[in-house]
Amino acid sequence: MNRGIIQIQSNIQKVQKENNINHYSNTVYIQKRIIDVLLGTIILIISSPIVIYSIYRIKKESSGSIIFKQSRVGLNGKIFTCYKFRTMYEKSTFNPYTQKEDSRIFPFGQIMRKYRIDEIPQIWNVIKGDMHIIGPRAEWNILVKEYEKTIPHYHQRHQVKPGITGLAQVSYPYGCNLYDTKKKLEFDLEYIKEWSLWLEMKVIFRTVGVILHREGI
């Protein structure tokens, strides 16, 4: 495991040194914004029956709020409120990482996570401009404080807006420890550095494949 972590850190440093990770250019931002608005609108229209049914099931299986709100880190480290469908029982035992067969998640919550239904409310974050459809995962601000202390170059991923899905999410299993976080950072920096319309479309298609095959993001 230690050898793996050292290799990941070396890869991250290599990506960072080969080309500084900077903000997207105005041209790239415009292209991504067009994709965000068009794809976000399509998702909202197609998913509206799913949204209505999800609200019904959440209320039926677990009392409490429908929407889960959490502080996440966005562009340049700015904190914003991220919206998701709640998948866990309220007042569950605190654990920053979700585990397999997590008892805190109610039955329909498992289904929502499996098919990424819980992510749909984040479209509102995209419309507001907090997030992109595609980008590094929006991480909880509490976890980010720890990551920035222990993971070199972790702050580089915050030079762009986070996304609902991204290269790291479709290239690596659901993260549950520091090793996974370092591995995903490698993909995040690669995505930012190598951005192109082709890569954007590739991530979108791979996201659809992940959802259909019910793999974790």
Protein backbone atom coordinates (compact mmCIF):
# COMPACT_ATOMS: atom_id res chain seq x y z
CA MET A 1 0.00 0.00 0.00
CA ASN A 2 2.81 2.46 0.90
CA ARG A 3 4.52 1.76 -2.40
CA GLY A 4 1.24 2.44 -4.20
CA ILE A 5 0.78 5.78 -2.40
CA ILE A 6 4.34 6.85 -3.26
CA GLN A 7 3.73 6.01 -6.93
CA ILE A 8 0.47 7.98 -6.96
CA GLN A 9 2.18 11.01 -5.41
CA SER A 10 4.90 10.75 -8.05
CA ASN A 11 2.29 10.63 -10.82
CA ILE A 12 0.47 13.66 -9.39
CA GLN A 13 3.69 15.65 -9.21
CA LYS A 14 4.53 14.64 -12.78
CA VAL A 15 1.18 15.89 -14.09
CA GLN A 16 1.53 19.10 -12.10
CA LYS A 17 5.08 19.79 -13.32
CA GLU A 18 4.41 19.01 -16.98
CA ASN A 19 1.91 21.82 -17.22
CA ASN A 20 0.59 24.15 -14.55
CA ILE A 21 -3.03 23.48 -13.67
CA ASN A 22 -4.89 26.72 -14.30
CA HIS A 23 -8.41 28.05 -14.67
CA TYR A 24 -10.23 27.17 -17.87
CA SER A 25 -9.86 29.74 -20.65
CA ASN A 26 -12.91 31.84 -21.54
CA THR A 27 -13.46 29.69 -24.63
CA VAL A 28 -13.42 26.47 -22.62
CA TYR A 29 -15.71 27.96 -19.97
CA ILE A 30 -18.26 29.02 -22.61
CA GLN A 31 -18.22 25.54 -24.14
CA LYS A 32 -18.69 23.90 -20.74
CA ARG A 33 -21.46 26.34 -19.81
CA ILE A 34 -23.36 25.49 -23.01
CA ILE A 35 -23.01 21.79 -22.23
CA ASP A 36 -24.16 22.42 -18.64
CA VAL A 37 -27.32 24.26 -19.67
CA LEU A 38 -28.30 21.92 -22.52
CA LEU A 39 -27.52 18.66 -20.73
CA GLY A 40 -28.94 19.93 -17.44
CA THR A 41 -32.24 20.85 -19.11
CA ILE A 42 -32.46 17.45 -20.81
CA ILE A 43 -31.76 15.64 -17.54
CA LEU A 44 -34.43 17.61 -15.68
CA ILE A 45 -37.07 16.91 -18.34
CA ILE A 46 -36.28 13.20 -18.62
CA SER A 47 -35.93 12.66 -14.87
CA SER A 48 -39.05 14.57 -13.73
CA PRO A 49 -41.14 11.38 -13.20
CA ILE A 50 -38.19 9.83 -11.30
CA VAL A 51 -37.91 12.95 -9.15
CA ILE A 52 -41.59 12.82 -8.21
CA TYR A 53 -41.42 9.11 -7.39
CA SER A 54 -38.21 9.57 -5.39
CA ILE A 55 -39.80 12.26 -3.24
CA TYR A 56 -42.68 9.88 -2.51
CA ARG A 57 -40.38 6.99 -1.57
CA ILE A 58 -38.09 9.10 0.61
CA LYS A 59 -41.06 10.41 2.60
CA LYS A 60 -42.45 6.87 2.89
CA GLU A 61 -39.26 5.18 4.08
CA SER A 62 -37.56 7.81 6.22
CA SER A 63 -39.01 10.78 8.06
CA GLY A 64 -37.17 14.06 7.69
CA SER A 65 -36.08 16.37 4.92
CA ILE A 66 -36.23 15.34 1.27
CA ILE A 67 -33.12 17.26 0.29
CA PHE A 68 -29.74 16.71 1.89
CA LYS A 69 -27.61 19.87 2.08
CA GLN A 70 -23.89 19.90 2.70
CA SER A 71 -21.09 22.45 2.47
CA ARG A 72 -18.78 21.60 -0.42
CA VAL A 73 -15.63 23.24 -1.78
CA GLY A 74 -15.92 24.87 -5.18
CA LEU A 75 -13.91 27.14 -7.46
CA ASN A 76 -10.90 28.72 -5.73
CA GLY A 77 -11.85 27.05 -2.46
CA LYS A 78 -15.16 28.91 -2.18
CA ILE A 79 -17.71 27.08 -0.02
CA PHE A 80 -21.18 26.47 -1.47
CA THR A 81 -24.24 24.47 -0.47
CA CYS A 82 -24.60 21.25 -2.45
CA TYR A 83 -28.04 19.69 -2.89
CA LYS A 84 -28.78 15.96 -3.11
CA PHE A 85 -31.68 13.67 -2.33
CA ARG A 86 -31.25 12.37 1.21
CA THR A 87 -30.31 8.67 1.21
CA MET A 88 -29.49 8.12 4.90
CA TYR A 89 -31.64 8.04 8.00
CA GLU A 90 -31.50 11.38 9.77
CA LYS A 91 -29.28 11.60 12.87
CA SER A 92 -27.23 8.61 11.68
CA THR A 93 -23.86 7.81 13.25
CA PHE A 94 -21.18 10.13 11.90
CA ASN A 95 -18.68 8.67 9.45
CA PRO A 96 -17.15 10.82 6.68
CA TYR A 97 -16.85 7.81 4.37
CA THR A 98 -19.69 5.69 3.06
CA GLN A 99 -19.08 1.95 3.45
CA LYS A 100 -20.44 -0.97 1.46
CA GLU A 101 -23.72 -2.24 2.93
CA ASP A 102 -23.87 0.93 5.03
CA SER A 103 -26.65 0.51 7.63
CA ARG A 104 -27.23 4.27 7.69
CA ILE A 105 -28.76 4.14 4.21
CA PHE A 106 -32.47 3.31 3.96
CA PRO A 107 -33.63 0.82 1.25
CA PHE A 108 -34.66 3.28 -1.46
CA GLY A 109 -31.58 5.30 -0.61
CA GLN A 110 -29.51 2.32 -1.78
CA ILE A 111 -31.37 2.35 -5.10
CA MET A 112 -30.89 6.08 -5.51
CA ARG A 113 -27.15 5.75 -4.92
CA LYS A 114 -26.85 2.77 -7.25
CA TYR A 115 -28.48 4.62 -10.15
CA ARG A 116 -27.15 8.08 -9.17
CA ILE A 117 -30.70 9.39 -8.65
CA ASP A 118 -29.58 11.17 -5.49
CA GLU A 119 -27.38 13.41 -7.64
CA ILE A 120 -30.27 14.93 -9.65
CA PRO A 121 -30.83 17.95 -7.33
CA GLN A 122 -27.26 19.02 -8.06
CA ILE A 123 -28.56 20.21 -11.43
CA TRP A 124 -29.73 23.24 -9.46
CA ASN A 125 -26.10 23.82 -8.42
CA VAL A 126 -25.13 23.63 -12.10
CA ILE A 127 -27.80 26.12 -13.14
CA LYS A 128 -26.72 28.48 -10.35
CA GLY A 129 -23.14 28.26 -11.55
CA ASP A 130 -21.67 26.51 -8.49
CA MET A 131 -20.81 23.40 -10.49
CA HIS A 132 -20.37 21.93 -13.95
CA ILE A 133 -21.96 18.70 -15.15
CA ILE A 134 -18.43 17.34 -15.65
CA GLY A 135 -15.52 18.11 -13.32
CA PRO A 136 -13.70 17.01 -10.16
CA ARG A 137 -16.04 15.72 -7.49
CA ALA A 138 -17.36 18.40 -5.11
CA GLU A 139 -15.87 17.34 -1.78
CA TRP A 140 -17.13 18.06 1.73
CA ASN A 141 -15.24 21.03 3.19
CA ILE A 142 -14.37 19.10 6.37
CA LEU A 143 -12.63 16.38 4.34
CA VAL A 144 -10.89 18.93 2.12
CA LYS A 145 -9.18 20.50 5.15
CA GLU A 146 -7.63 17.12 5.97
CA TYR A 147 -6.74 16.30 2.37
CA GLU A 148 -4.94 19.58 1.85
CA LYS A 149 -2.76 18.85 4.88
CA THR A 150 -1.68 15.40 3.70
CA ILE A 151 -1.99 15.28 -0.12
CA PRO A 152 0.45 17.35 -2.21
CA HIS A 153 -1.17 19.50 -4.92
CA TYR A 154 -4.69 18.68 -3.72
CA HIS A 155 -5.60 22.38 -3.91
CA GLN A 156 -4.99 22.31 -7.69
CA ARG A 157 -8.34 20.61 -8.29
CA HIS A 158 -10.10 23.71 -6.94
CA GLN A 159 -8.86 25.91 -9.76
CA VAL A 160 -11.94 24.79 -11.69
CA LYS A 161 -15.55 24.24 -10.68
CA PRO A 162 -16.47 20.75 -9.43
CA GLY A 163 -18.80 18.46 -11.36
CA ILE A 164 -21.62 16.03 -10.76
CA THR A 165 -19.56 13.40 -12.57
CA GLY A 166 -16.03 13.39 -13.90
CA LEU A 167 -13.07 11.45 -15.20
CA ALA A 168 -12.09 10.29 -11.71
CA GLN A 169 -15.61 9.10 -10.92
CA VAL A 170 -15.87 6.95 -14.08
CA SER A 171 -12.27 5.70 -13.97
CA TYR A 172 -11.93 4.58 -10.36
CA PRO A 173 -14.24 2.80 -7.86
CA TYR A 174 -16.07 4.69 -5.12
CA GLY A 175 -13.46 6.11 -2.74
CA CYS A 176 -13.49 5.10 0.92
CA ASN A 177 -10.01 6.02 2.18
CA LEU A 178 -7.03 8.34 1.70
CA TYR A 179 -5.38 6.06 -0.86
CA ASP A 180 -8.48 6.24 -3.09
CA THR A 181 -8.58 10.02 -2.72
CA LYS A 182 -4.98 10.33 -3.91
CA LYS A 183 -5.67 8.07 -6.87
CA LYS A 184 -8.73 10.09 -7.86
CA LEU A 185 -6.74 13.32 -7.63
CA GLU A 186 -4.46 11.95 -10.33
CA PHE A 187 -7.46 11.63 -12.67
CA ASP A 188 -8.81 15.06 -11.67
CA LEU A 189 -5.56 16.81 -12.58
CA GLU A 190 -5.33 14.85 -15.83
CA TYR A 191 -8.88 15.93 -16.75
CA ILE A 192 -8.19 19.61 -16.08
CA LYS A 193 -4.85 19.58 -17.91
CA GLU A 194 -6.05 17.59 -20.94
CA TRP A 195 -9.55 19.08 -21.28
CA SER A 196 -11.16 18.88 -24.72
CA LEU A 197 -14.65 18.49 -26.11
CA TRP A 198 -13.81 14.89 -26.94
CA LEU A 199 -12.79 14.18 -23.35
CA GLU A 200 -16.00 15.87 -22.13
CA MET A 201 -18.14 13.67 -24.39
CA LYS A 202 -16.12 10.60 -23.38
CA VAL A 203 -16.84 11.22 -19.69
CA ILE A 204 -20.54 11.75 -20.42
CA PHE A 205 -20.82 8.45 -22.32
CA ARG A 206 -18.81 6.59 -19.69
CA THR A 207 -21.08 8.01 -16.99
CA VAL A 208 -24.10 6.58 -18.79
CA GLY A 209 -22.32 3.22 -18.97
CA VAL A 210 -21.49 3.31 -15.25
CA ILE A 211 -25.13 4.03 -14.37
CA LEU A 212 -26.47 1.28 -16.64
CA HIS A 213 -24.02 -1.25 -15.20
CA ARG A 214 -24.82 -0.04 -11.67
CA GLU A 215 -21.22 0.61 -10.71
CA GLY A 216 -20.28 3.09 -8.01
CA ILE A 217 -19.10 6.58 -8.90
